[in-house]
Amino acid sequence: MPDMKLDDRVRDSERRVGELEGSFQFLSKQLSGVHKSVLEIQSEFGELRSEMGDFRLEVNQRFDAIPEIVASAVAGALRS
């Protein structure tokens, strides 16, 4: 009779380990999906950062040109 209790305990332990392994596999798949999504988001943000850098450069170039444009307009107005 004591062997029956031991067998029951072993079966119960094996069942619980199986449940934990199933949960682990599920979570592992979920984390894998999240990781792929994070990598995609990082890539998209990298591209956006690059585009914003290009935009900032263009805006700075236009602002740098303002004094020359104003000076030319003022000189033209004074000649008239």
C-alpha atoms as a PDB file:
ATOM      1  CA  MET A   1       0.000   0.000   0.000  1.00  0.00           C
ATOM      2  CA  PRO A   2       2.787   2.537   0.684  1.00  0.00           C
ATOM      3  CA  ASP A   3       4.023   1.881  -2.877  1.00  0.00           C
ATOM      4  CA  MET A   4       0.650   3.056  -4.228  1.00  0.00           C
ATOM      5  CA  LYS A   5       1.010   6.376  -2.485  1.00  0.00           C
ATOM      6  CA  LEU A   6       4.492   6.768  -3.893  1.00  0.00           C
ATOM      7  CA  ASP A   7       3.274   5.892  -7.406  1.00  0.00           C
ATOM      8  CA  ASP A   8       0.435   8.406  -7.058  1.00  0.00           C
ATOM      9  CA  ARG A   9       2.853  11.085  -5.904  1.00  0.00           C
ATOM     10  CA  VAL A  10       5.199  10.372  -8.806  1.00  0.00           C
ATOM     11  CA  ARG A  11       2.306  10.519 -11.314  1.00  0.00           C
ATOM     12  CA  ASP A  12       1.066  13.764  -9.755  1.00  0.00           C
ATOM     13  CA  SER A  13       4.551  15.260  -9.920  1.00  0.00           C
ATOM     14  CA  GLU A  14       4.947  14.188 -13.550  1.00  0.00           C
ATOM     15  CA  ARG A  15       1.570  15.731 -14.374  1.00  0.00           C
ATOM     16  CA  ARG A  16       2.531  19.028 -12.731  1.00  0.00           C
ATOM     17  CA  VAL A  17       5.883  19.094 -14.507  1.00  0.00           C
ATOM     18  CA  GLY A  18       4.062  18.485 -17.799  1.00  0.00           C
ATOM     19  CA  GLU A  19       1.720  21.397 -17.086  1.00  0.00           C
ATOM     20  CA  LEU A  20       4.675  23.654 -16.288  1.00  0.00           C
ATOM     21  CA  GLU A  21       6.463  22.602 -19.475  1.00  0.00           C
ATOM     22  CA  GLY A  22       3.329  23.389 -21.501  1.00  0.00           C
ATOM     23  CA  SER A  23       3.048  26.812 -19.879  1.00  0.00           C
ATOM     24  CA  PHE A  24       6.727  27.454 -20.510  1.00  0.00           C
ATOM     25  CA  GLN A  25       6.389  26.543 -24.193  1.00  0.00           C
ATOM     26  CA  PHE A  26       3.383  28.857 -24.543  1.00  0.00           C
ATOM     27  CA  LEU A  27       5.216  31.747 -22.893  1.00  0.00           C
ATOM     28  CA  SER A  28       8.327  31.057 -24.928  1.00  0.00           C
ATOM     29  CA  LYS A  29       6.343  31.368 -28.161  1.00  0.00           C
ATOM     30  CA  GLN A  30       4.694  34.556 -26.930  1.00  0.00           C
ATOM     31  CA  LEU A  31       8.046  36.093 -26.004  1.00  0.00           C
ATOM     32  CA  SER A  32       9.467  35.128 -29.376  1.00  0.00           C
ATOM     33  CA  GLY A  33       6.622  37.021 -31.054  1.00  0.00           C
ATOM     34  CA  VAL A  34       7.163  40.039 -28.815  1.00  0.00           C
ATOM     35  CA  HIS A  35      10.884  39.993 -29.586  1.00  0.00           C
ATOM     36  CA  LYS A  36      10.194  40.026 -33.336  1.00  0.00           C
ATOM     37  CA  SER A  37       7.789  42.941 -32.875  1.00  0.00           C
ATOM     38  CA  VAL A  38      10.349  44.885 -30.833  1.00  0.00           C
ATOM     39  CA  LEU A  39      12.982  44.359 -33.543  1.00  0.00           C
ATOM     40  CA  GLU A  40      10.557  45.629 -36.198  1.00  0.00           C
ATOM     41  CA  ILE A  41       9.727  48.692 -34.106  1.00  0.00           C
ATOM     42  CA  GLN A  42      13.427  49.412 -33.559  1.00  0.00           C
ATOM     43  CA  SER A  43      13.996  49.229 -37.299  1.00  0.00           C
ATOM     44  CA  GLU A  44      11.094  51.571 -38.008  1.00  0.00           C
ATOM     45  CA  PHE A  45      12.308  54.068 -35.400  1.00  0.00           C
ATOM     46  CA  GLY A  46      15.796  53.918 -36.902  1.00  0.00           C
ATOM     47  CA  GLU A  47      14.385  54.813 -40.296  1.00  0.00           C
ATOM     48  CA  LEU A  48      12.250  57.579 -38.777  1.00  0.00           C
ATOM     49  CA  ARG A  49      15.264  58.975 -36.908  1.00  0.00           C
ATOM     50  CA  SER A  50      17.211  59.050 -40.178  1.00  0.00           C
ATOM     51  CA  GLU A  51      14.373  60.834 -41.969  1.00  0.00           C
ATOM     52  CA  MET A  52      14.082  63.363 -39.134  1.00  0.00           C
ATOM     53  CA  GLY A  53      17.820  64.008 -39.350  1.00  0.00           C
ATOM     54  CA  ASP A  54      17.500  64.699 -43.070  1.00  0.00           C
ATOM     55  CA  PHE A  55      14.520  67.000 -42.407  1.00  0.00           C
ATOM     56  CA  ARG A  56      16.419  68.859 -39.681  1.00  0.00           C
ATOM     57  CA  LEU A  57      19.372  69.360 -42.032  1.00  0.00           C
ATOM     58  CA  GLU A  58      17.074  70.757 -44.731  1.00  0.00           C
ATOM     59  CA  VAL A  59      15.370  73.139 -42.268  1.00  0.00           C
ATOM     60  CA  ASN A  60      18.738  74.343 -40.947  1.00  0.00           C
ATOM     61  CA  GLN A  61      19.962  74.995 -44.489  1.00  0.00           C
ATOM     62  CA  ARG A  62      16.866  77.060 -45.217  1.00  0.00           C
ATOM     63  CA  PHE A  63      17.257  79.062 -42.018  1.00  0.00           C
ATOM     64  CA  ASP A  64      20.914  79.651 -42.845  1.00  0.00           C
ATOM     65  CA  ALA A  65      19.828  81.090 -46.201  1.00  0.00           C
ATOM     66  CA  ILE A  66      17.364  83.606 -44.674  1.00  0.00           C
ATOM     67  CA  PRO A  67      19.908  86.403 -44.018  1.00  0.00           C
ATOM     68  CA  GLU A  68      21.120  86.247 -47.618  1.00  0.00           C
ATOM     69  CA  ILE A  69      17.577  86.282 -48.957  1.00  0.00           C
ATOM     70  CA  VAL A  70      16.607  89.242 -46.749  1.00  0.00           C
ATOM     71  CA  ALA A  71      19.782  91.144 -47.656  1.00  0.00           C
ATOM     72  CA  SER A  72      19.112  90.603 -51.347  1.00  0.00           C
ATOM     73  CA  ALA A  73      15.503  91.773 -50.969  1.00  0.00           C
ATOM     74  CA  VAL A  74      16.527  94.849 -49.025  1.00  0.00           C
ATOM     75  CA  ALA A  75      19.260  95.691 -51.551  1.00  0.00           C
ATOM     76  CA  GLY A  76      16.754  95.296 -54.375  1.00  0.00           C
ATOM     77  CA  ALA A  77      14.252  97.542 -52.593  1.00  0.00           C
ATOM     78  CA  LEU A  78      16.876 100.195 -51.979  1.00  0.00           C
ATOM     79  CA  ARG A  79      17.880 100.217 -55.646  1.00  0.00           C
ATOM     80  CA  SER A  80      14.320 100.869 -56.712  1.00  0.00           C
END
